[in-house]
């Protein structure tokens, strides 16, 4: 994984959605980007939502914005 966790998470969400047609769970994101804490992932998702990079409304309700 790169030094930019936000980009890693965005890429994981995009790839997961493309393969499965639904958003990944927080645990799936954590496993996919090499994080151990689901609360850490949730924090990233909340910050990314505030920045307008994603729309995040809870469990499996994640959508990447703009790309």
Protein backbone atom coordinates (compact mmCIF):
# COMPACT_ATOMS: atom_id res chain seq x y z
CA UNK A 1 0.00 0.00 0.00
CA UNK A 2 1.08 3.55 -0.62
CA UNK A 3 1.69 6.24 1.96
CA UNK A 4 -1.66 7.84 1.09
CA UNK A 5 -4.26 5.74 2.95
CA UNK A 6 -7.17 7.81 1.67
CA UNK A 7 -6.24 7.03 -1.93
CA UNK A 8 -5.74 3.35 -1.04
CA UNK A 9 -9.22 3.27 0.48
CA UNK A 10 -10.76 5.04 -2.53
CA UNK A 11 -9.08 2.60 -4.91
CA UNK A 12 -10.21 -0.37 -2.83
CA UNK A 13 -13.83 0.85 -2.76
CA UNK A 14 -13.83 1.42 -6.54
CA UNK A 15 -12.29 -1.98 -7.29
CA UNK A 16 -14.56 -3.80 -4.84
CA UNK A 17 -17.66 -2.15 -6.26
CA UNK A 18 -16.62 -2.91 -9.83
CA UNK A 19 -16.20 -6.61 -8.99
CA UNK A 20 -19.20 -7.07 -6.70
CA UNK A 21 -21.71 -4.33 -7.64
CA UNK A 22 -22.05 -3.27 -3.98
CA UNK A 23 -19.95 -1.32 -1.53
CA UNK A 24 -17.53 -3.09 0.82
CA UNK A 25 -18.08 -3.28 4.55
CA UNK A 26 -15.77 -1.39 6.87
CA UNK A 27 -14.12 -4.70 7.85
CA UNK A 28 -13.56 -5.57 4.16
CA UNK A 29 -11.96 -2.17 3.61
CA UNK A 30 -9.73 -2.65 6.66
CA UNK A 31 -8.61 -6.08 5.43
CA UNK A 32 -8.15 -4.79 1.88
CA UNK A 33 -5.86 -1.90 2.81
CA UNK A 34 -4.01 -3.54 5.67
CA UNK A 35 -5.59 -1.81 8.65
CA UNK A 36 -6.52 -3.67 11.83
CA UNK A 37 -9.08 -1.31 13.33
CA UNK A 38 -12.52 -0.81 11.84
CA UNK A 39 -12.81 2.43 13.81
CA UNK A 40 -9.71 3.73 11.99
CA UNK A 41 -11.40 2.97 8.65
CA UNK A 42 -14.59 4.65 9.82
CA UNK A 43 -12.58 7.74 10.74
CA UNK A 44 -11.02 7.84 7.27
CA UNK A 45 -14.46 7.45 5.67
CA UNK A 46 -15.92 10.27 7.73
CA UNK A 47 -13.01 12.60 6.87
CA UNK A 48 -13.23 11.69 3.19
CA UNK A 49 -16.97 12.39 3.23
CA UNK A 50 -16.36 15.82 4.78
CA UNK A 51 -13.86 16.54 1.99
CA UNK A 52 -16.46 15.53 -0.61
CA UNK A 53 -14.50 12.52 -1.90
CA UNK A 54 -17.20 10.02 -1.01
CA UNK A 55 -20.79 9.84 0.12
CA UNK A 56 -20.91 7.72 3.26
CA UNK A 57 -24.23 6.93 4.91
CA UNK A 58 -23.38 3.89 7.00
CA UNK A 59 -23.07 0.17 6.40
CA UNK A 60 -22.47 -0.62 2.72
CA UNK A 61 -23.62 2.87 1.80
CA UNK A 62 -20.37 4.22 0.35
CA UNK A 63 -20.14 5.91 -3.03
CA UNK A 64 -17.04 7.48 -4.56
CA UNK A 65 -17.73 10.95 -5.93
CA UNK A 66 -16.18 12.41 -9.07
CA UNK A 67 -14.26 9.48 -10.54
